[in-house]
Amino acid sequence: MNADFLHESTDLVAKVLYARPSSTYDSMAESGAVGTNADWENNQAESWYIEAQRQGEEAVISGLIKNDKTAIEAGLKMFDWGFAQQSADGGFEGTGDPFHSTSLFVHAVARSLLLIEQSPLAQEYTDLVEVYK
């Protein structure tokens, strides 16, 4: 395993940041939208922000650490919602802050994929990681 996953899975980090995997997705909409994006879907917000979907990173990591596949799948669903908003040119047209918001989302997805690859569950998610890449 790589140092990044080992760091995230230390007792201290796991107990403080990732103690309850369900808390990372309990506010996710059925569609996978998170926070203001769920409100936007329901016409309760004027704009959406792709960066809100970075919550998927916490769900994936906590799921990997706690061997909670429900959390992992929820995190991936958050990412899928985000990518469903992607324009043909690769951007996220309509997001409230195109540069900053997009960079936060892309970082969360990329880091999550790296941690999946470094985790004991890597083999189980190999095909899925390749699809995201």
N, C-alpha and C. Protein backbone atom coordinates (compact mmCIF):
# COMPACT_ATOMS: atom_id res chain seq x y z
N MET A 1 0.83 -1.19 0.00
CA MET A 1 0.00 0.00 0.00
C MET A 1 0.88 1.25 0.00
N ASN A 2 0.37 2.29 -0.57
CA ASN A 2 1.09 3.53 -0.68
C ASN A 2 0.92 4.37 0.58
N ALA A 3 1.81 5.32 0.77
CA ALA A 3 1.82 6.16 1.96
C ALA A 3 0.55 6.97 2.13
N ASP A 4 -0.09 7.42 1.04
CA ASP A 4 -1.29 8.25 1.16
C ASP A 4 -2.42 7.46 1.83
N PHE A 5 -2.67 6.25 1.36
CA PHE A 5 -3.71 5.44 1.99
C PHE A 5 -3.32 5.07 3.41
N LEU A 6 -2.07 4.74 3.63
CA LEU A 6 -1.62 4.40 4.97
C LEU A 6 -1.83 5.56 5.94
N HIS A 7 -1.55 6.78 5.49
CA HIS A 7 -1.77 7.95 6.33
C HIS A 7 -3.25 8.10 6.67
N GLU A 8 -4.10 8.02 5.67
CA GLU A 8 -5.53 8.19 5.89
C GLU A 8 -6.11 7.11 6.80
N SER A 9 -5.51 5.94 6.80
CA SER A 9 -6.07 4.83 7.57
C SER A 9 -5.43 4.65 8.94
N THR A 10 -4.56 5.58 9.36
CA THR A 10 -4.01 5.48 10.71
C THR A 10 -5.15 5.59 11.72
N ASP A 11 -4.96 5.03 12.88
CA ASP A 11 -6.02 5.04 13.90
C ASP A 11 -6.53 6.45 14.19
N LEU A 12 -5.62 7.40 14.38
CA LEU A 12 -6.04 8.75 14.72
C LEU A 12 -6.90 9.37 13.62
N VAL A 13 -6.41 9.32 12.40
CA VAL A 13 -7.16 9.93 11.28
C VAL A 13 -8.49 9.19 11.07
N ALA A 14 -8.44 7.88 11.10
CA ALA A 14 -9.66 7.10 10.89
C ALA A 14 -10.70 7.38 11.97
N LYS A 15 -10.28 7.52 13.20
CA LYS A 15 -11.22 7.76 14.31
C LYS A 15 -11.75 9.19 14.31
N VAL A 16 -10.94 10.14 13.88
CA VAL A 16 -11.37 11.53 13.92
C VAL A 16 -12.15 11.93 12.66
N LEU A 17 -11.62 11.61 11.49
CA LEU A 17 -12.24 12.06 10.25
C LEU A 17 -13.24 11.09 9.63
N TYR A 18 -13.02 9.82 9.85
CA TYR A 18 -13.81 8.83 9.11
C TYR A 18 -14.53 7.84 10.02
N ALA A 19 -14.88 8.26 11.22
CA ALA A 19 -15.48 7.36 12.20
C ALA A 19 -16.85 6.84 11.76
N ARG A 20 -17.64 7.69 11.10
CA ARG A 20 -19.00 7.31 10.70
C ARG A 20 -19.18 7.51 9.20
N PRO A 21 -18.90 6.50 8.42
CA PRO A 21 -19.04 6.65 6.97
C PRO A 21 -20.41 7.15 6.52
N SER A 22 -21.47 6.74 7.21
CA SER A 22 -22.81 7.17 6.78
C SER A 22 -22.99 8.68 6.88
N SER A 23 -22.23 9.34 7.73
CA SER A 23 -22.36 10.80 7.85
C SER A 23 -21.83 11.51 6.61
N THR A 24 -21.08 10.82 5.78
CA THR A 24 -20.53 11.45 4.59
C THR A 24 -21.53 11.47 3.43
N TYR A 25 -22.58 10.71 3.57
CA TYR A 25 -23.57 10.68 2.47
C TYR A 25 -25.01 10.80 2.95
N ASP A 26 -25.23 11.03 4.22
CA ASP A 26 -26.61 11.06 4.71
C ASP A 26 -27.43 12.22 4.18
N SER A 27 -26.79 13.25 3.67
CA SER A 27 -27.53 14.38 3.10
C SER A 27 -27.55 14.34 1.57
N MET A 28 -27.03 13.28 0.98
CA MET A 28 -27.02 13.15 -0.48
C MET A 28 -28.44 12.88 -0.99
N ALA A 29 -28.80 13.55 -2.06
CA ALA A 29 -30.09 13.29 -2.71
C ALA A 29 -30.04 11.92 -3.41
N GLU A 30 -31.16 11.38 -3.70
CA GLU A 30 -31.24 10.08 -4.39
C GLU A 30 -30.46 10.11 -5.71
N SER A 31 -30.44 11.25 -6.35
CA SER A 31 -29.75 11.41 -7.63
C SER A 31 -28.22 11.40 -7.49
N GLY A 32 -27.74 11.66 -6.28
CA GLY A 32 -26.30 11.80 -6.05
C GLY A 32 -25.89 13.24 -5.83
N ALA A 33 -26.81 14.17 -6.04
CA ALA A 33 -26.51 15.58 -5.82
C ALA A 33 -26.30 15.85 -4.34
N VAL A 34 -25.40 16.79 -4.06
CA VAL A 34 -25.06 17.13 -2.68
C VAL A 34 -25.30 18.61 -2.43
N GLY A 35 -25.82 18.93 -1.25
CA GLY A 35 -25.96 20.30 -0.79
C GLY A 35 -26.74 21.19 -1.74
N THR A 36 -26.11 22.29 -2.11
CA THR A 36 -26.78 23.26 -2.98
C THR A 36 -27.16 22.65 -4.33
N ASN A 37 -26.45 21.62 -4.75
CA ASN A 37 -26.79 20.98 -6.02
C ASN A 37 -28.13 20.23 -5.94
N ALA A 38 -28.41 19.65 -4.78
CA ALA A 38 -29.71 19.01 -4.58
C ALA A 38 -30.81 20.07 -4.58
N ASP A 39 -30.51 21.21 -3.96
CA ASP A 39 -31.48 22.31 -3.98
C ASP A 39 -31.70 22.80 -5.40
N TRP A 40 -30.63 22.93 -6.18
CA TRP A 40 -30.72 23.38 -7.56
C TRP A 40 -31.58 22.43 -8.38
N GLU A 41 -31.38 21.14 -8.17
CA GLU A 41 -32.19 20.14 -8.88
C GLU A 41 -33.68 20.32 -8.60
N ASN A 42 -33.98 20.73 -7.39
CA ASN A 42 -35.37 20.91 -6.97
C ASN A 42 -35.87 22.35 -7.14
N ASN A 43 -35.14 23.11 -7.97
CA ASN A 43 -35.49 24.50 -8.25
C ASN A 43 -35.58 25.35 -6.98
N GLN A 44 -34.74 25.03 -6.01
CA GLN A 44 -34.70 25.79 -4.76
C GLN A 44 -33.42 26.61 -4.64
N ALA A 45 -32.58 26.56 -5.66
CA ALA A 45 -31.35 27.36 -5.70
C ALA A 45 -31.14 27.83 -7.12
N GLU A 46 -30.58 29.02 -7.27
CA GLU A 46 -30.39 29.59 -8.60
C GLU A 46 -29.20 29.00 -9.34
N SER A 47 -28.21 28.54 -8.59
CA SER A 47 -27.03 27.99 -9.25
C SER A 47 -26.55 26.73 -8.53
N TRP A 48 -25.71 26.01 -9.23
CA TRP A 48 -25.11 24.80 -8.68
C TRP A 48 -23.60 24.95 -8.75
N TYR A 49 -22.91 24.16 -7.96
CA TYR A 49 -21.45 24.22 -7.89
C TYR A 49 -20.89 22.81 -7.95
N ILE A 50 -20.13 22.53 -8.97
CA ILE A 50 -19.55 21.20 -9.13
C ILE A 50 -18.69 20.83 -7.92
N GLU A 51 -18.11 21.80 -7.25
CA GLU A 51 -17.26 21.51 -6.10
C GLU A 51 -18.02 20.82 -4.96
N ALA A 52 -19.32 21.02 -4.87
CA ALA A 52 -20.09 20.37 -3.80
C ALA A 52 -20.01 18.85 -3.91
N GLN A 53 -19.80 18.37 -5.12
CA GLN A 53 -19.73 16.92 -5.33
C GLN A 53 -18.43 16.31 -4.82
N ARG A 54 -17.51 17.16 -4.37
CA ARG A 54 -16.26 16.63 -3.82
C ARG A 54 -16.50 15.91 -2.50
N GLN A 55 -17.69 16.04 -1.95
CA GLN A 55 -18.06 15.29 -0.75
C GLN A 55 -17.89 13.79 -1.00
N GLY A 56 -17.93 13.39 -2.25
CA GLY A 56 -17.72 11.99 -2.60
C GLY A 56 -16.37 11.46 -2.13
N GLU A 57 -15.38 12.33 -2.08
CA GLU A 57 -14.05 11.91 -1.62
C GLU A 57 -14.10 11.41 -0.19
N GLU A 58 -14.76 12.12 0.69
CA GLU A 58 -14.86 11.69 2.08
C GLU A 58 -15.63 10.38 2.19
N ALA A 59 -16.67 10.23 1.39
CA ALA A 59 -17.44 9.00 1.42
C ALA A 59 -16.59 7.82 0.96
N VAL A 60 -15.86 8.00 -0.14
CA VAL A 60 -15.02 6.92 -0.66
C VAL A 60 -13.94 6.55 0.35
N ILE A 61 -13.24 7.55 0.89
CA ILE A 61 -12.15 7.26 1.82
C ILE A 61 -12.67 6.59 3.08
N SER A 62 -13.74 7.11 3.65
CA SER A 62 -14.26 6.49 4.87
C SER A 62 -14.74 5.08 4.58
N GLY A 63 -15.31 4.87 3.41
CA GLY A 63 -15.74 3.53 3.03
C GLY A 63 -14.58 2.56 2.88
N LEU A 64 -13.50 3.04 2.28
CA LEU A 64 -12.31 2.20 2.14
C LEU A 64 -11.73 1.82 3.50
N ILE A 65 -11.65 2.80 4.37
CA ILE A 65 -11.05 2.57 5.69
C ILE A 65 -11.90 1.66 6.55
N LYS A 66 -13.20 1.84 6.50
CA LYS A 66 -14.13 1.06 7.33
C LYS A 66 -14.72 -0.15 6.61
N ASN A 67 -14.23 -0.41 5.40
CA ASN A 67 -14.75 -1.51 4.58
C ASN A 67 -16.28 -1.41 4.45
N ASP A 68 -16.74 -0.22 4.16
CA ASP A 68 -18.16 0.09 4.04
C ASP A 68 -18.46 0.38 2.57
N LYS A 69 -18.90 -0.62 1.87
CA LYS A 69 -19.13 -0.47 0.42
C LYS A 69 -20.29 0.46 0.11
N THR A 70 -21.22 0.60 1.04
CA THR A 70 -22.31 1.55 0.84
C THR A 70 -21.76 2.97 0.74
N ALA A 71 -20.80 3.30 1.60
CA ALA A 71 -20.18 4.63 1.57
C ALA A 71 -19.39 4.83 0.28
N ILE A 72 -18.66 3.81 -0.13
CA ILE A 72 -17.89 3.91 -1.38
C ILE A 72 -18.83 4.16 -2.55
N GLU A 73 -19.88 3.38 -2.62
CA GLU A 73 -20.84 3.52 -3.73
C GLU A 73 -21.52 4.89 -3.69
N ALA A 74 -21.81 5.40 -2.50
CA ALA A 74 -22.41 6.73 -2.39
C ALA A 74 -21.44 7.79 -2.92
N GLY A 75 -20.18 7.67 -2.55
CA GLY A 75 -19.18 8.62 -3.04
C GLY A 75 -19.08 8.60 -4.55
N LEU A 76 -19.09 7.42 -5.10
CA LEU A 76 -19.01 7.29 -6.56
C LEU A 76 -20.27 7.85 -7.23
N LYS A 77 -21.40 7.70 -6.57
CA LYS A 77 -22.65 8.26 -7.09
C LYS A 77 -22.59 9.78 -7.11
N MET A 78 -21.95 10.36 -6.09
CA MET A 78 -21.77 11.82 -6.08
C MET A 78 -20.91 12.25 -7.26
N PHE A 79 -19.85 11.51 -7.50
CA PHE A 79 -18.99 11.82 -8.64
C PHE A 79 -19.75 11.66 -9.96
N ASP A 80 -20.54 10.61 -10.05
CA ASP A 80 -21.31 10.38 -11.28
C ASP A 80 -22.28 11.54 -11.55
N TRP A 81 -22.91 12.05 -10.49
CA TRP A 81 -23.80 13.19 -10.68
C TRP A 81 -23.01 14.36 -11.26
N GLY A 82 -21.84 14.57 -10.71
CA GLY A 82 -21.00 15.66 -11.20
C GLY A 82 -20.65 15.49 -12.67
N PHE A 83 -20.20 14.30 -13.03
CA PHE A 83 -19.82 14.07 -14.42
C PHE A 83 -21.02 14.12 -15.37
N ALA A 84 -22.21 13.85 -14.86
CA ALA A 84 -23.41 13.96 -15.69
C ALA A 84 -23.67 15.41 -16.09
N GLN A 85 -23.09 16.36 -15.34
CA GLN A 85 -23.25 17.79 -15.65
C GLN A 85 -22.18 18.29 -16.61
N GLN A 86 -21.23 17.43 -16.95
CA GLN A 86 -20.09 17.85 -17.77
C GLN A 86 -20.51 18.14 -19.20
N SER A 87 -19.98 19.22 -19.74
CA SER A 87 -20.25 19.62 -21.12
C SER A 87 -19.37 18.82 -22.08
N ALA A 88 -19.72 18.87 -23.34
CA ALA A 88 -18.95 18.15 -24.36
C ALA A 88 -17.50 18.59 -24.42
N ASP A 89 -17.22 19.85 -24.05
CA ASP A 89 -15.84 20.35 -24.10
C ASP A 89 -15.04 19.98 -22.84
N GLY A 90 -15.66 19.24 -21.91
CA GLY A 90 -14.97 18.82 -20.69
C GLY A 90 -15.19 19.73 -19.51
N GLY A 91 -15.76 20.90 -19.73
CA GLY A 91 -16.02 21.83 -18.65
C GLY A 91 -17.35 21.54 -17.97
N PHE A 92 -17.72 22.38 -17.04
CA PHE A 92 -18.98 22.23 -16.32
C PHE A 92 -19.76 23.53 -16.45
N GLU A 93 -20.28 23.73 -17.65
CA GLU A 93 -21.01 24.95 -17.97
C GLU A 93 -22.18 25.13 -17.01
N GLY A 94 -22.26 26.33 -16.48
CA GLY A 94 -23.36 26.64 -15.58
C GLY A 94 -23.00 26.56 -14.11
N THR A 95 -21.86 25.92 -13.80
CA THR A 95 -21.46 25.88 -12.40
C THR A 95 -21.14 27.30 -11.94
N GLY A 96 -21.40 27.58 -10.68
CA GLY A 96 -21.26 28.93 -10.16
C GLY A 96 -19.86 29.51 -10.20
N ASP A 97 -18.85 28.68 -10.20
CA ASP A 97 -17.46 29.15 -10.20
C ASP A 97 -16.65 28.18 -11.05
N PRO A 98 -16.64 28.37 -12.36
CA PRO A 98 -16.08 27.37 -13.27
C PRO A 98 -14.65 26.92 -12.99
N PHE A 99 -13.74 27.83 -12.70
CA PHE A 99 -12.35 27.42 -12.52
C PHE A 99 -12.12 26.78 -11.17
N HIS A 100 -12.37 27.51 -10.12
CA HIS A 100 -12.12 27.04 -8.76
C HIS A 100 -12.96 25.81 -8.44
N SER A 101 -14.22 25.86 -8.73
CA SER A 101 -15.14 24.78 -8.42
C SER A 101 -14.74 23.49 -9.14
N THR A 102 -14.38 23.62 -10.40
CA THR A 102 -13.98 22.45 -11.19
C THR A 102 -12.69 21.84 -10.66
N SER A 103 -11.74 22.69 -10.29
CA SER A 103 -10.46 22.15 -9.79
C SER A 103 -10.66 21.37 -8.50
N LEU A 104 -11.54 21.83 -7.63
CA LEU A 104 -11.81 21.10 -6.39
C LEU A 104 -12.44 19.74 -6.66
N PHE A 105 -13.37 19.71 -7.59
CA PHE A 105 -14.03 18.45 -7.94
C PHE A 105 -13.05 17.47 -8.57
N VAL A 106 -12.29 17.92 -9.53
CA VAL A 106 -11.34 17.04 -10.22
C VAL A 106 -10.30 16.50 -9.22
N HIS A 107 -9.84 17.34 -8.33
CA HIS A 107 -8.89 16.90 -7.30
C HIS A 107 -9.50 15.79 -6.45
N ALA A 108 -10.73 15.97 -6.02
CA ALA A 108 -11.38 14.97 -5.17
C ALA A 108 -11.53 13.63 -5.88
N VAL A 109 -11.94 13.67 -7.13
CA VAL A 109 -12.10 12.44 -7.90
C VAL A 109 -10.74 11.76 -8.10
N ALA A 110 -9.74 12.52 -8.53
CA ALA A 110 -8.42 11.94 -8.78
C ALA A 110 -7.83 11.33 -7.51
N ARG A 111 -7.91 12.04 -6.42
CA ARG A 111 -7.36 11.52 -5.16
C ARG A 111 -8.12 10.27 -4.71
N SER A 112 -9.41 10.27 -4.87
CA SER A 112 -10.20 9.10 -4.52
C SER A 112 -9.78 7.87 -5.33
N LEU A 113 -9.56 8.07 -6.61
CA LEU A 113 -9.13 6.96 -7.46
C LEU A 113 -7.77 6.44 -7.03
N LEU A 114 -6.85 7.35 -6.70
CA LEU A 114 -5.53 6.92 -6.22
C LEU A 114 -5.64 6.12 -4.93
N LEU A 115 -6.49 6.57 -4.03
CA LEU A 115 -6.65 5.86 -2.76
C LEU A 115 -7.32 4.51 -2.96
N ILE A 116 -8.27 4.44 -3.87
CA ILE A 116 -8.87 3.13 -4.18
C ILE A 116 -7.79 2.18 -4.67
N GLU A 117 -6.94 2.66 -5.57
CA GLU A 117 -5.88 1.82 -6.12
C GLU A 117 -4.88 1.37 -5.05
N GLN A 118 -4.72 2.14 -4.00
CA GLN A 118 -3.77 1.83 -2.93
C GLN A 118 -4.40 1.00 -1.81
N SER A 119 -5.69 0.81 -1.85
CA SER A 119 -6.40 0.18 -0.75
C SER A 119 -6.47 -1.34 -0.91
N PRO A 120 -6.85 -2.02 0.17
CA PRO A 120 -7.06 -3.47 0.08
C PRO A 120 -8.20 -3.86 -0.87
N LEU A 121 -9.06 -2.91 -1.21
CA LEU A 121 -10.19 -3.19 -2.11
C LEU A 121 -9.86 -2.89 -3.57
N ALA A 122 -8.62 -2.62 -3.87
CA ALA A 122 -8.20 -2.20 -5.21
C ALA A 122 -8.69 -3.16 -6.30
N GLN A 123 -8.50 -4.43 -6.10
CA GLN A 123 -8.88 -5.41 -7.13
C GLN A 123 -10.37 -5.36 -7.45
N GLU A 124 -11.15 -5.16 -6.43
CA GLU A 124 -12.60 -5.13 -6.60
C GLU A 124 -13.06 -3.94 -7.46
N TYR A 125 -12.31 -2.85 -7.42
CA TYR A 125 -12.71 -1.63 -8.12
C TYR A 125 -11.84 -1.31 -9.34
N THR A 126 -11.02 -2.24 -9.77
CA THR A 126 -10.11 -2.00 -10.89
C THR A 126 -10.83 -1.53 -12.14
N ASP A 127 -11.87 -2.22 -12.54
CA ASP A 127 -12.60 -1.86 -13.77
C ASP A 127 -13.25 -0.48 -13.64
N LEU A 128 -13.81 -0.21 -12.49
CA LEU A 128 -14.47 1.08 -12.26
C LEU A 128 -13.45 2.22 -12.31
N VAL A 129 -12.30 2.03 -11.69
CA VAL A 129 -11.26 3.06 -11.71
C VAL A 129 -10.87 3.35 -13.16
N GLU A 130 -10.74 2.32 -13.96
CA GLU A 130 -10.37 2.51 -15.38
C GLU A 130 -11.43 3.30 -16.13
N VAL A 131 -12.70 3.08 -15.81
CA VAL A 131 -13.78 3.84 -16.46
C VAL A 131 -13.64 5.32 -16.11
N TYR A 132 -13.38 5.61 -14.86
CA TYR A 132 -13.22 7.02 -14.46
C TYR A 132 -12.01 7.66 -15.13
N LYS A 133 -10.93 6.91 -15.22
CA LYS A 133 -9.73 7.46 -15.87
C LYS A 133 -10.02 7.78 -17.32
